[in-house]
Structures are given as structure tokens and as C-alpha cells.
Amino acid sequence: MARAQGARALMALAFETVYGTPPVGGFTKMPFASTSLGAEQPLLNSELLGYGRDPLAPIKDAVTADGDVVVPLDAEALGFWLKAAFGSPTTTGTGPWTHEFQSGSWTLPSMSIETGMPEVPRYAIYSGCVLDQLTWQMQRSGLLTATARLVAQGETVGTTTSAGTSAALELKRFGHFNGAITRNGSALGNVVSAEITYANNLDRIETIRSDGRIDGADPSIAALTGRIEVRFADQTLVTQAINGEACEMEFAYILPSGESFTFTVHAVYLPRPRIEISGPQGVQATFDWQAARDSVVGRMCTATLINDIEVY
């Protein structure tokens, strides 16, 4: 008897034309490190009396389909997750192509994602997937991954794949070594670690349906937050926090082959931090920053991906 193993797991993704309706083809094989994407349906205990001490059979509650997908930050597959987070990009160039994703879109595309365990076999396709949150960290070493939090409409399980023959991508992975942070166009030094979280704050449309699924997931006011931990060497960031001013911060990765990913936050506001001296080691300060719409640029953030993919 075959046993399911994560090493043999597969994932394929395609954008939908109609929410909740998986496309016939056009799936792309996606690299991923782990996933908790799935559907669950809890049971409700019977509250009825008069039948003795032993309870009556439980009844089924509504279906919830959601979960996280941990993916590498790479030059090609990352564009699919950025499109899910921000909408379709503006693409320029003739190869390599420059894809610019902008925040503030009122509508987000939905996806169908299939996870497969061929040795069982079990192929589960999650339709109506909308990206709720995308987060990643910058640090000196380690593997660079992002976590995509998804809200799906439902799950359909089969013994054969519904994705057909999926197109394969060339994995060109960014690493922490390729990262850089700038503030108002100048390199920001003494940064120990950074965290970036973009959230669409989806509103689930939980209408009454015979299948127990949701009708959709609509984006509400977006949020872009994060944290930077720095070695305390000057008063630049503290002064900005005290004055209540905004700065532009740019988080970038560049590969030697020319591919790059740049995430620009146009208006970053810093809180006034507590500066603690906890011992003889270096003093560090942590800023839990928030972003807002920049009145000049007209949006909160811009993600720019340069690679060999022509269309997302």
C-alpha cells in the first residue's frame, strides 16, 4: 500500500475567469515548501434532551476552505502570487520584461490551486482562492520564503489530476544574500532583520447556500505593516518617529543573472521605540512600522519584478 509523502506532492495554479470555476487548462506547476490549504467541516454536538445520557448523532456545520502556502521568493513564480495580491501588472520591455504591480485595486483575481499526492492517489483542487495576506522576512542568512494566506470557496477531491499537463517554470531563487534595504534612496545600514506583511483583509461573503460554501471574498481596506530591527547607531529613525514624518523604504533583491524583485513602500510611518540597554552587548531598536497611501504617488506600495516571463 502506497503512503503519501510530502516529497512527492505536487501543486499547480491557474487564474479563473469566473470565480469558483476552475479553468479547463492553463495550469502552471508551482514550487512550494509546505501548505496547510484545505477544507474542513466541523461537527455540531446535539443539544437535545430526553434520549438518555448518551448523545444523539452530531450534525455537520458549514465548510471552511483556507490555509497557508509557503513559497520561495524566486524570479518567475513570485509573479503569480504578486498578481493574486495586487491584480494584473503593467508589463513593459521586450525581454527581459518589467512587471509593475500596484496596490489599491478594487478587484482581485481568483485562482484554482490543485495539490496532488499521486501515490494515494488524491488530487484536491481548491477553487475560488483569493489571496488574503503575503508576508516574508529579510535577514542575514537562511532560506528566503514567503507565506501566502488564502481564502478559498471550496474543495473538490478526485483520483486524477484536473490540471492536465502543467507548464513548468525555471526556478531562479532569490536569497537573503541578494537583499538590500534603502530609505529615501539611500542604503539603510545597521539593519539586523526586517519583516513585511501585506494584507487585503478579505471579507468572506457567507450567504446561505445548499453546499455550505461562501459566495466570495471581497477585499476591504488594505494594510501594509512590518518590523525592522536595527543596531542603534544614530538618531535618524528615532527622529523621524518623533516628528511623525513618513519616508520611502525599498526592499530589493537582485540576482547576478539580472532578474530582480523590488518592493517599494512609498509612505512608511515609524512608532517611537523603547531603547533598552539589556547588557554589555550592542543596543538594538525595533520599529513596528505602518504604511499609508502616499499623496504624491497616489498609492501605498509598488512591487516590480523583472524576469523572462512575458505575461502573467
C-alpha atoms as a PDB file:
ATOM      1  CA  MET A   1       0.000   0.000   0.000  1.00  0.00           C
ATOM      2  CA  ALA A   2       1.376   3.395  -1.039  1.00  0.00           C
ATOM      3  CA  ARG A   3       1.764   6.041   1.623  1.00  0.00           C
ATOM      4  CA  ALA A   4       1.570   9.757   0.950  1.00  0.00           C
ATOM      5  CA  GLN A   5       4.838  11.651   1.244  1.00  0.00           C
ATOM      6  CA  GLY A   6       5.396  15.376   1.039  1.00  0.00           C
ATOM      7  CA  ALA A   7       8.451  14.808  -1.143  1.00  0.00           C
ATOM      8  CA  ARG A   8       6.162  13.592  -3.954  1.00  0.00           C
ATOM      9  CA  ALA A   9       3.495  16.263  -3.517  1.00  0.00           C
ATOM     10  CA  LEU A  10       2.594  18.496  -6.447  1.00  0.00           C
ATOM     11  CA  MET A  11       0.983  21.916  -6.784  1.00  0.00           C
ATOM     12  CA  ALA A  12      -0.476  23.583  -9.850  1.00  0.00           C
ATOM     13  CA  LEU A  13      -2.096  27.010 -10.164  1.00  0.00           C
ATOM     14  CA  ALA A  14      -4.268  28.803 -12.708  1.00  0.00           C
ATOM     15  CA  PHE A  15      -6.251  32.033 -12.610  1.00  0.00           C
ATOM     16  CA  GLU A  16     -10.011  31.785 -13.031  1.00  0.00           C
ATOM     17  CA  THR A  17     -12.216  33.633 -15.477  1.00  0.00           C
ATOM     18  CA  VAL A  18     -15.301  33.072 -13.309  1.00  0.00           C
ATOM     19  CA  TYR A  19     -14.960  32.995  -9.532  1.00  0.00           C
ATOM     20  CA  GLY A  20     -15.148  29.456  -8.194  1.00  0.00           C
ATOM     21  CA  THR A  21     -14.965  27.799 -11.631  1.00  0.00           C
ATOM     22  CA  PRO A  22     -11.665  26.004 -12.309  1.00  0.00           C
ATOM     23  CA  PRO A  23     -10.325  26.625 -15.819  1.00  0.00           C
ATOM     24  CA  VAL A  24     -10.034  23.735 -18.240  1.00  0.00           C
ATOM     25  CA  GLY A  25      -6.312  24.303 -18.806  1.00  0.00           C
ATOM     26  CA  GLY A  26      -3.544  26.827 -18.392  1.00  0.00           C
ATOM     27  CA  PHE A  27      -2.188  25.491 -15.103  1.00  0.00           C
ATOM     28  CA  THR A  28       1.396  26.164 -14.029  1.00  0.00           C
ATOM     29  CA  LYS A  29       3.442  23.904 -11.773  1.00  0.00           C
ATOM     30  CA  MET A  30       4.349  25.882  -8.660  1.00  0.00           C
ATOM     31  CA  PRO A  31       7.307  25.423  -6.300  1.00  0.00           C
ATOM     32  CA  PHE A  32       6.334  25.333  -2.634  1.00  0.00           C
ATOM     33  CA  ALA A  33       7.843  24.326   0.696  1.00  0.00           C
ATOM     34  CA  SER A  34       4.669  23.455   2.610  1.00  0.00           C
ATOM     35  CA  THR A  35       0.947  24.076   2.565  1.00  0.00           C
ATOM     36  CA  SER A  36      -1.945  23.934   5.000  1.00  0.00           C
ATOM     37  CA  LEU A  37      -4.524  24.749   2.321  1.00  0.00           C
ATOM     38  CA  GLY A  38      -7.544  22.543   2.873  1.00  0.00           C
ATOM     39  CA  ALA A  39     -11.252  22.320   3.612  1.00  0.00           C
ATOM     40  CA  GLU A  40     -12.769  21.380   6.920  1.00  0.00           C
ATOM     41  CA  GLN A  41     -16.314  20.855   8.121  1.00  0.00           C
ATOM     42  CA  PRO A  42     -16.734  20.584  11.895  1.00  0.00           C
ATOM     43  CA  LEU A  43     -19.464  18.648  13.657  1.00  0.00           C
ATOM     44  CA  LEU A  44     -22.013  20.231  15.983  1.00  0.00           C
ATOM     45  CA  ASN A  45     -22.922  18.344  19.128  1.00  0.00           C
ATOM     46  CA  SER A  46     -26.586  17.573  19.639  1.00  0.00           C
ATOM     47  CA  GLU A  47     -28.224  19.711  22.339  1.00  0.00           C
ATOM     48  CA  LEU A  48     -31.455  17.697  22.508  1.00  0.00           C
ATOM     49  CA  LEU A  49     -32.689  16.162  25.768  1.00  0.00           C
ATOM     50  CA  GLY A  50     -34.937  13.267  26.608  1.00  0.00           C
ATOM     51  CA  TYR A  51     -32.959  10.457  24.995  1.00  0.00           C
ATOM     52  CA  GLY A  52     -30.861   9.366  27.939  1.00  0.00           C
ATOM     53  CA  ARG A  53     -27.267  10.155  28.833  1.00  0.00           C
ATOM     54  CA  ASP A  54     -25.815   9.035  25.503  1.00  0.00           C
ATOM     55  CA  PRO A  55     -25.844  11.901  22.966  1.00  0.00           C
ATOM     56  CA  LEU A  56     -27.602  11.857  19.642  1.00  0.00           C
ATOM     57  CA  ALA A  57     -25.649  11.951  16.396  1.00  0.00           C
ATOM     58  CA  PRO A  58     -23.927  15.264  15.588  1.00  0.00           C
ATOM     59  CA  ILE A  59     -24.807  17.328  12.531  1.00  0.00           C
ATOM     60  CA  LYS A  60     -22.456  18.949  10.009  1.00  0.00           C
ATOM     61  CA  ASP A  61     -21.571  22.644  10.179  1.00  0.00           C
ATOM     62  CA  ALA A  62     -20.527  24.980   7.330  1.00  0.00           C
ATOM     63  CA  VAL A  63     -17.481  24.254   5.155  1.00  0.00           C
ATOM     64  CA  THR A  64     -14.374  26.388   5.622  1.00  0.00           C
ATOM     65  CA  ALA A  65     -11.639  26.292   2.974  1.00  0.00           C
ATOM     66  CA  ASP A  66      -8.462  28.267   3.566  1.00  0.00           C
ATOM     67  CA  GLY A  67      -4.828  27.895   4.572  1.00  0.00           C
ATOM     68  CA  ASP A  68      -1.253  28.999   4.022  1.00  0.00           C
ATOM     69  CA  VAL A  69       1.215  28.183   1.271  1.00  0.00           C
ATOM     70  CA  VAL A  70       4.925  28.676   1.951  1.00  0.00           C
ATOM     71  CA  VAL A  71       6.676  29.503  -1.317  1.00  0.00           C
ATOM     72  CA  PRO A  72      10.204  30.535  -2.293  1.00  0.00           C
ATOM     73  CA  LEU A  73      10.862  34.081  -3.438  1.00  0.00           C
ATOM     74  CA  ASP A  74      12.021  33.430  -6.964  1.00  0.00           C
ATOM     75  CA  ALA A  75      12.181  35.432 -10.148  1.00  0.00           C
ATOM     76  CA  GLU A  76       9.365  33.689 -12.039  1.00  0.00           C
ATOM     77  CA  ALA A  77       6.805  32.011  -9.767  1.00  0.00           C
ATOM     78  CA  LEU A  78       6.645  35.040  -7.463  1.00  0.00           C
ATOM     79  CA  GLY A  79       4.772  36.932 -10.173  1.00  0.00           C
ATOM     80  CA  PHE A  80       1.725  34.678  -9.765  1.00  0.00           C
ATOM     81  CA  TRP A  81       1.489  35.481  -6.051  1.00  0.00           C
ATOM     82  CA  LEU A  82       2.021  39.192  -6.676  1.00  0.00           C
ATOM     83  CA  LYS A  83      -0.793  39.142  -9.236  1.00  0.00           C
ATOM     84  CA  ALA A  84      -3.017  37.429  -6.677  1.00  0.00           C
ATOM     85  CA  ALA A  85      -2.120  40.082  -4.084  1.00  0.00           C
ATOM     86  CA  PHE A  86      -2.372  43.224  -6.225  1.00  0.00           C
ATOM     87  CA  GLY A  87      -4.082  42.345  -9.507  1.00  0.00           C
ATOM     88  CA  SER A  88      -2.707  42.244 -13.034  1.00  0.00           C
ATOM     89  CA  PRO A  89       0.570  44.096 -13.570  1.00  0.00           C
ATOM     90  CA  THR A  90       1.605  46.699 -16.126  1.00  0.00           C
ATOM     91  CA  THR A  91       4.245  44.970 -18.252  1.00  0.00           C
ATOM     92  CA  THR A  92       6.884  46.768 -20.304  1.00  0.00           C
ATOM     93  CA  GLY A  93      10.049  45.776 -22.148  1.00  0.00           C
ATOM     94  CA  THR A  94      10.928  43.263 -24.833  1.00  0.00           C
ATOM     95  CA  GLY A  95      12.730  40.619 -22.780  1.00  0.00           C
ATOM     96  CA  PRO A  96      13.560  40.767 -20.011  1.00  0.00           C
ATOM     97  CA  TRP A  97      10.152  42.131 -19.084  1.00  0.00           C
ATOM     98  CA  THR A  98       9.349  44.509 -16.246  1.00  0.00           C
ATOM     99  CA  HIS A  99       6.121  43.771 -14.369  1.00  0.00           C
ATOM    100  CA  GLU A 100       4.833  46.531 -12.110  1.00  0.00           C
ATOM    101  CA  PHE A 101       2.186  45.629  -9.532  1.00  0.00           C
ATOM    102  CA  GLN A 102       0.404  48.475  -7.743  1.00  0.00           C
ATOM    103  CA  SER A 103      -1.646  48.460  -4.563  1.00  0.00           C
ATOM    104  CA  GLY A 104      -5.145  49.874  -4.381  1.00  0.00           C
ATOM    105  CA  SER A 105      -7.038  47.694  -6.875  1.00  0.00           C
ATOM    106  CA  TRP A 106     -10.729  47.274  -6.033  1.00  0.00           C
ATOM    107  CA  THR A 107     -10.888  43.781  -7.549  1.00  0.00           C
ATOM    108  CA  LEU A 108      -8.564  40.817  -7.118  1.00  0.00           C
ATOM    109  CA  PRO A 109      -8.262  37.764  -9.370  1.00  0.00           C
ATOM    110  CA  SER A 110      -9.260  34.356  -8.063  1.00  0.00           C
ATOM    111  CA  MET A 111      -7.280  31.186  -8.579  1.00  0.00           C
ATOM    112  CA  SER A 112      -7.736  27.450  -8.727  1.00  0.00           C
ATOM    113  CA  ILE A 113      -4.978  25.561  -6.931  1.00  0.00           C
ATOM    114  CA  GLU A 114      -4.543  21.816  -7.127  1.00  0.00           C
ATOM    115  CA  THR A 115      -2.462  19.837  -4.645  1.00  0.00           C
ATOM    116  CA  GLY A 116      -1.696  16.284  -5.580  1.00  0.00           C
ATOM    117  CA  MET A 117      -0.469  13.194  -3.785  1.00  0.00           C
ATOM    118  CA  PRO A 118      -0.073  10.757  -6.684  1.00  0.00           C
ATOM    119  CA  GLU A 119       0.803   7.690  -4.599  1.00  0.00           C
ATOM    120  CA  VAL A 120      -2.650   7.534  -2.894  1.00  0.00           C
ATOM    121  CA  PRO A 121      -3.855   8.897  -5.380  1.00  0.00           C
ATOM    122  CA  ARG A 122      -5.511  12.120  -4.151  1.00  0.00           C
ATOM    123  CA  TYR A 123      -5.849  15.302  -6.151  1.00  0.00           C
ATOM    124  CA  ALA A 124      -7.634  18.167  -4.378  1.00  0.00           C
ATOM    125  CA  ILE A 125      -8.490  21.286  -6.328  1.00  0.00           C
ATOM    126  CA  TYR A 126      -9.350  24.437  -4.398  1.00  0.00           C
ATOM    127  CA  SER A 127     -11.432  26.826  -6.446  1.00  0.00           C
ATOM    128  CA  GLY A 128     -12.114  30.475  -5.734  1.00  0.00           C
ATOM    129  CA  CYS A 129      -8.772  31.057  -3.987  1.00  0.00           C
ATOM    130  CA  VAL A 130      -8.187  34.724  -3.168  1.00  0.00           C
ATOM    131  CA  LEU A 131      -5.005  35.949  -1.507  1.00  0.00           C
ATOM    132  CA  ASP A 132      -5.605  37.440   1.907  1.00  0.00           C
ATOM    133  CA  GLN A 133      -2.054  38.068   3.089  1.00  0.00           C
ATOM    134  CA  LEU A 134       1.515  37.869   1.814  1.00  0.00           C
ATOM    135  CA  THR A 135       4.415  38.058   4.258  1.00  0.00           C
ATOM    136  CA  TRP A 136       8.165  37.465   4.227  1.00  0.00           C
ATOM    137  CA  GLN A 137      11.284  38.270   6.250  1.00  0.00           C
ATOM    138  CA  MET A 138      14.699  39.685   5.444  1.00  0.00           C
ATOM    139  CA  GLN A 139      17.697  38.545   7.461  1.00  0.00           C
ATOM    140  CA  ARG A 140      21.375  37.791   7.064  1.00  0.00           C
ATOM    141  CA  SER A 141      21.182  34.047   6.389  1.00  0.00           C
ATOM    142  CA  GLY A 142      18.780  31.158   5.903  1.00  0.00           C
ATOM    143  CA  LEU A 143      16.267  30.198   3.250  1.00  0.00           C
ATOM    144  CA  LEU A 144      14.173  33.021   1.819  1.00  0.00           C
ATOM    145  CA  THR A 145      10.477  32.116   1.683  1.00  0.00           C
ATOM    146  CA  ALA A 146       7.149  33.920   1.725  1.00  0.00           C
ATOM    147  CA  THR A 147       3.856  32.817   3.226  1.00  0.00           C
ATOM    148  CA  ALA A 148       0.690  33.324   1.183  1.00  0.00           C
ATOM    149  CA  ARG A 149      -2.537  33.115   3.177  1.00  0.00           C
ATOM    150  CA  LEU A 150      -5.506  32.126   1.023  1.00  0.00           C
ATOM    151  CA  VAL A 151      -9.282  32.057   1.337  1.00  0.00           C
ATOM    152  CA  ALA A 152     -10.923  29.512  -0.970  1.00  0.00           C
ATOM    153  CA  GLN A 153     -14.531  28.794  -1.850  1.00  0.00           C
ATOM    154  CA  GLY A 154     -14.368  25.028  -1.685  1.00  0.00           C
ATOM    155  CA  GLU A 155     -12.523  21.774  -2.247  1.00  0.00           C
ATOM    156  CA  THR A 156     -13.106  19.053  -4.832  1.00  0.00           C
ATOM    157  CA  VAL A 157     -11.213  15.785  -4.414  1.00  0.00           C
ATOM    158  CA  GLY A 158     -10.536  13.281  -7.177  1.00  0.00           C
ATOM    159  CA  THR A 159      -8.239  10.408  -8.062  1.00  0.00           C
ATOM    160  CA  THR A 160      -6.879  12.018 -11.234  1.00  0.00           C
ATOM    161  CA  THR A 161      -5.480  15.446 -11.864  1.00  0.00           C
ATOM    162  CA  SER A 162      -7.727  18.215 -13.161  1.00  0.00           C
ATOM    163  CA  ALA A 163      -4.776  20.407 -14.093  1.00  0.00           C
ATOM    164  CA  GLY A 164      -3.681  18.349 -17.075  1.00  0.00           C
ATOM    165  CA  THR A 165      -0.101  18.895 -18.188  1.00  0.00           C
ATOM    166  CA  SER A 166       1.147  21.852 -16.160  1.00  0.00           C
ATOM    167  CA  ALA A 167       3.643  24.307 -17.579  1.00  0.00           C
ATOM    168  CA  ALA A 168       6.959  24.258 -15.747  1.00  0.00           C
ATOM    169  CA  LEU A 169       8.889  27.304 -14.589  1.00  0.00           C
ATOM    170  CA  GLU A 170      12.625  27.777 -14.346  1.00  0.00           C
ATOM    171  CA  LEU A 171      13.470  28.169 -10.674  1.00  0.00           C
ATOM    172  CA  LYS A 172      15.629  31.264 -10.146  1.00  0.00           C
ATOM    173  CA  ARG A 173      15.523  31.717  -6.412  1.00  0.00           C
ATOM    174  CA  PHE A 174      16.403  34.874  -4.530  1.00  0.00           C
ATOM    175  CA  GLY A 175      18.421  34.545  -1.353  1.00  0.00           C
ATOM    176  CA  HIS A 176      18.947  36.705   1.688  1.00  0.00           C
ATOM    177  CA  PHE A 177      22.411  37.429   0.327  1.00  0.00           C
ATOM    178  CA  ASN A 178      20.781  39.229  -2.634  1.00  0.00           C
ATOM    179  CA  GLY A 179      18.740  41.561  -0.414  1.00  0.00           C
ATOM    180  CA  ALA A 180      19.160  45.287   0.229  1.00  0.00           C
ATOM    181  CA  ILE A 181      17.133  47.964   2.043  1.00  0.00           C
ATOM    182  CA  THR A 182      17.105  51.659   1.207  1.00  0.00           C
ATOM    183  CA  ARG A 183      15.458  54.658   2.875  1.00  0.00           C
ATOM    184  CA  ASN A 184      14.622  57.670   0.707  1.00  0.00           C
ATOM    185  CA  GLY A 185      17.033  56.382  -1.917  1.00  0.00           C
ATOM    186  CA  SER A 186      19.988  55.797   0.423  1.00  0.00           C
ATOM    187  CA  ALA A 187      21.156  52.479   1.848  1.00  0.00           C
ATOM    188  CA  LEU A 188      19.781  51.844   5.321  1.00  0.00           C
ATOM    189  CA  GLY A 189      22.590  50.457   7.463  1.00  0.00           C
ATOM    190  CA  ASN A 190      22.695  48.565  10.742  1.00  0.00           C
ATOM    191  CA  VAL A 191      19.547  46.567   9.900  1.00  0.00           C
ATOM    192  CA  VAL A 192      19.539  43.184  11.643  1.00  0.00           C
ATOM    193  CA  SER A 193      16.220  41.889  10.308  1.00  0.00           C
ATOM    194  CA  ALA A 194      13.069  43.077   8.598  1.00  0.00           C
ATOM    195  CA  GLU A 195       9.555  41.761   8.146  1.00  0.00           C
ATOM    196  CA  ILE A 196       6.979  42.814   5.541  1.00  0.00           C
ATOM    197  CA  THR A 197       3.277  41.914   5.633  1.00  0.00           C
ATOM    198  CA  TYR A 198       0.734  42.978   3.016  1.00  0.00           C
ATOM    199  CA  ALA A 199      -2.893  42.145   3.830  1.00  0.00           C
ATOM    200  CA  ASN A 200      -6.019  42.542   1.690  1.00  0.00           C
ATOM    201  CA  ASN A 201      -8.231  41.958   4.757  1.00  0.00           C
ATOM    202  CA  LEU A 202     -10.741  39.856   2.851  1.00  0.00           C
ATOM    203  CA  ASP A 203     -14.403  39.942   3.766  1.00  0.00           C
ATOM    204  CA  ARG A 204     -15.956  36.488   3.353  1.00  0.00           C
ATOM    205  CA  ILE A 205     -19.434  36.600   1.808  1.00  0.00           C
ATOM    206  CA  GLU A 206     -21.102  33.967   3.988  1.00  0.00           C
ATOM    207  CA  THR A 207     -24.527  33.677   2.377  1.00  0.00           C
ATOM    208  CA  ILE A 208     -26.896  30.748   2.840  1.00  0.00           C
ATOM    209  CA  ARG A 209     -26.188  28.065   0.253  1.00  0.00           C
ATOM    210  CA  SER A 210     -27.101  24.414  -0.057  1.00  0.00           C
ATOM    211  CA  ASP A 211     -23.441  23.421  -0.486  1.00  0.00           C
ATOM    212  CA  GLY A 212     -22.234  25.365   2.575  1.00  0.00           C
ATOM    213  CA  ARG A 213     -19.671  27.364   0.588  1.00  0.00           C
ATOM    214  CA  ILE A 214     -19.079  31.115   0.603  1.00  0.00           C
ATOM    215  CA  ASP A 215     -20.203  33.359  -2.252  1.00  0.00           C
ATOM    216  CA  GLY A 216     -16.906  35.210  -2.457  1.00  0.00           C
ATOM    217  CA  ALA A 217     -14.138  37.030  -0.640  1.00  0.00           C
ATOM    218  CA  ASP A 218     -14.033  40.778  -1.208  1.00  0.00           C
ATOM    219  CA  PRO A 219     -11.009  42.948  -0.351  1.00  0.00           C
ATOM    220  CA  SER A 220     -11.552  45.731   2.175  1.00  0.00           C
ATOM    221  CA  ILE A 221      -9.081  48.371   3.394  1.00  0.00           C
ATOM    222  CA  ALA A 222      -5.600  47.010   2.778  1.00  0.00           C
ATOM    223  CA  ALA A 223      -2.833  47.040   5.366  1.00  0.00           C
ATOM    224  CA  LEU A 224       0.924  47.088   4.915  1.00  0.00           C
ATOM    225  CA  THR A 225       2.880  46.643   8.110  1.00  0.00           C
ATOM    226  CA  GLY A 226       6.217  45.293   9.188  1.00  0.00           C
ATOM    227  CA  ARG A 227       9.099  45.411  11.570  1.00  0.00           C
ATOM    228  CA  ILE A 228      12.721  46.443  11.278  1.00  0.00           C
ATOM    229  CA  GLU A 229      15.287  45.687  13.930  1.00  0.00           C
ATOM    230  CA  VAL A 230      18.386  47.843  13.812  1.00  0.00           C
ATOM    231  CA  ARG A 231      21.601  48.272  15.730  1.00  0.00           C
ATOM    232  CA  PHE A 232      21.279  51.620  17.462  1.00  0.00           C
ATOM    233  CA  ALA A 233      23.977  53.756  15.794  1.00  0.00           C
ATOM    234  CA  ASP A 234      22.295  57.087  15.052  1.00  0.00           C
ATOM    235  CA  GLN A 235      19.097  59.047  15.693  1.00  0.00           C
ATOM    236  CA  THR A 236      17.777  59.139  12.108  1.00  0.00           C
ATOM    237  CA  LEU A 237      14.869  56.712  12.540  1.00  0.00           C
ATOM    238  CA  VAL A 238      14.068  57.853  16.075  1.00  0.00           C
ATOM    239  CA  THR A 239      13.930  61.471  14.939  1.00  0.00           C
ATOM    240  CA  GLN A 240      11.574  60.544  12.109  1.00  0.00           C
ATOM    241  CA  ALA A 241       9.333  58.692  14.558  1.00  0.00           C
ATOM    242  CA  ILE A 242       9.226  61.618  16.988  1.00  0.00           C
ATOM    243  CA  ASN A 243       8.454  64.103  14.212  1.00  0.00           C
ATOM    244  CA  GLY A 244       5.703  61.864  12.776  1.00  0.00           C
ATOM    245  CA  GLU A 245       7.179  62.056   9.291  1.00  0.00           C
ATOM    246  CA  ALA A 246       6.989  59.481   6.521  1.00  0.00           C
ATOM    247  CA  CYS A 247       9.813  58.015   4.469  1.00  0.00           C
ATOM    248  CA  GLU A 248      10.026  55.781   1.422  1.00  0.00           C
ATOM    249  CA  MET A 249      11.544  52.364   2.005  1.00  0.00           C
ATOM    250  CA  GLU A 250      12.618  49.923  -0.650  1.00  0.00           C
ATOM    251  CA  PHE A 251      13.235  46.211  -0.134  1.00  0.00           C
ATOM    252  CA  ALA A 252      15.087  44.730  -3.100  1.00  0.00           C
ATOM    253  CA  TYR A 253      16.642  41.501  -4.343  1.00  0.00           C
ATOM    254  CA  ILE A 254      18.890  41.295  -7.410  1.00  0.00           C
ATOM    255  CA  LEU A 255      20.284  38.109  -8.956  1.00  0.00           C
ATOM    256  CA  PRO A 256      23.650  38.074 -10.768  1.00  0.00           C
ATOM    257  CA  SER A 257      21.800  36.985 -13.936  1.00  0.00           C
ATOM    258  CA  GLY A 258      19.795  40.254 -13.944  1.00  0.00           C
ATOM    259  CA  GLU A 259      16.418  39.212 -12.514  1.00  0.00           C
ATOM    260  CA  SER A 260      15.216  41.391  -9.660  1.00  0.00           C
ATOM    261  CA  PHE A 261      12.344  41.992  -7.265  1.00  0.00           C
ATOM    262  CA  THR A 262      11.835  45.432  -5.748  1.00  0.00           C
ATOM    263  CA  PHE A 263       9.139  46.213  -3.205  1.00  0.00           C
ATOM    264  CA  THR A 264       8.748  49.949  -2.652  1.00  0.00           C
ATOM    265  CA  VAL A 265       6.683  51.272   0.252  1.00  0.00           C
ATOM    266  CA  HIS A 266       6.028  54.916  -0.547  1.00  0.00           C
ATOM    267  CA  ALA A 267       4.982  56.237   2.861  1.00  0.00           C
ATOM    268  CA  VAL A 268       6.339  54.465   5.950  1.00  0.00           C
ATOM    269  CA  TYR A 269       5.476  55.757   9.418  1.00  0.00           C
ATOM    270  CA  LEU A 270       7.577  54.704  12.401  1.00  0.00           C
ATOM    271  CA  PRO A 271       6.498  54.466  16.037  1.00  0.00           C
ATOM    272  CA  ARG A 272       8.687  55.870  18.785  1.00  0.00           C
ATOM    273  CA  PRO A 273      10.538  52.801  20.134  1.00  0.00           C
ATOM    274  CA  ARG A 274      11.745  51.909  23.586  1.00  0.00           C
ATOM    275  CA  ILE A 275      15.552  51.951  23.633  1.00  0.00           C
ATOM    276  CA  GLU A 276      16.662  49.304  26.105  1.00  0.00           C
ATOM    277  CA  ILE A 277      20.158  48.532  27.384  1.00  0.00           C
ATOM    278  CA  SER A 278      19.885  44.869  28.329  1.00  0.00           C
ATOM    279  CA  GLY A 279      23.548  44.091  28.866  1.00  0.00           C
ATOM    280  CA  PRO A 280      27.053  44.591  27.558  1.00  0.00           C
ATOM    281  CA  GLN A 281      26.085  43.613  24.018  1.00  0.00           C
ATOM    282  CA  GLY A 282      25.149  46.059  21.283  1.00  0.00           C
ATOM    283  CA  VAL A 283      21.967  48.089  21.743  1.00  0.00           C
ATOM    284  CA  GLN A 284      19.172  47.359  19.278  1.00  0.00           C
ATOM    285  CA  ALA A 285      15.925  49.147  18.494  1.00  0.00           C
ATOM    286  CA  THR A 286      12.764  47.666  16.972  1.00  0.00           C
ATOM    287  CA  PHE A 287      10.362  49.705  14.848  1.00  0.00           C
ATOM    288  CA  ASP A 288       6.900  48.243  14.131  1.00  0.00           C
ATOM    289  CA  TRP A 289       6.173  50.374  11.071  1.00  0.00           C
ATOM    290  CA  GLN A 290       2.954  51.058   9.216  1.00  0.00           C
ATOM    291  CA  ALA A 291       2.419  52.211   5.651  1.00  0.00           C
ATOM    292  CA  ALA A 292      -0.203  54.514   4.215  1.00  0.00           C
ATOM    293  CA  ARG A 293      -1.223  55.972   0.873  1.00  0.00           C
ATOM    294  CA  ASP A 294       1.279  58.469  -0.443  1.00  0.00           C
ATOM    295  CA  SER A 295      -0.487  61.596  -1.692  1.00  0.00           C
ATOM    296  CA  VAL A 296       2.111  62.275  -4.397  1.00  0.00           C
ATOM    297  CA  VAL A 297       2.454  58.760  -5.864  1.00  0.00           C
ATOM    298  CA  GLY A 298      -1.228  58.014  -5.250  1.00  0.00           C
ATOM    299  CA  ARG A 299      -0.799  54.569  -3.757  1.00  0.00           C
ATOM    300  CA  MET A 300       0.725  52.743  -0.822  1.00  0.00           C
ATOM    301  CA  CYS A 301       3.246  50.430  -2.482  1.00  0.00           C
ATOM    302  CA  THR A 302       4.656  49.199  -5.770  1.00  0.00           C
ATOM    303  CA  ALA A 303       6.141  45.769  -6.490  1.00  0.00           C
ATOM    304  CA  THR A 304       8.407  45.497  -9.527  1.00  0.00           C
ATOM    305  CA  LEU A 305       9.518  42.129 -10.881  1.00  0.00           C
ATOM    306  CA  ILE A 306      11.991  41.839 -13.755  1.00  0.00           C
ATOM    307  CA  ASN A 307      12.297  38.417 -15.381  1.00  0.00           C
ATOM    308  CA  ASP A 308      11.937  36.400 -18.613  1.00  0.00           C
ATOM    309  CA  ILE A 309       8.158  35.827 -18.287  1.00  0.00           C
ATOM    310  CA  GLU A 310       6.239  37.865 -20.842  1.00  0.00           C
ATOM    311  CA  VAL A 311       2.691  37.664 -19.453  1.00  0.00           C
ATOM    312  CA  TYR A 312       1.170  36.830 -16.068  1.00  0.00           C
END
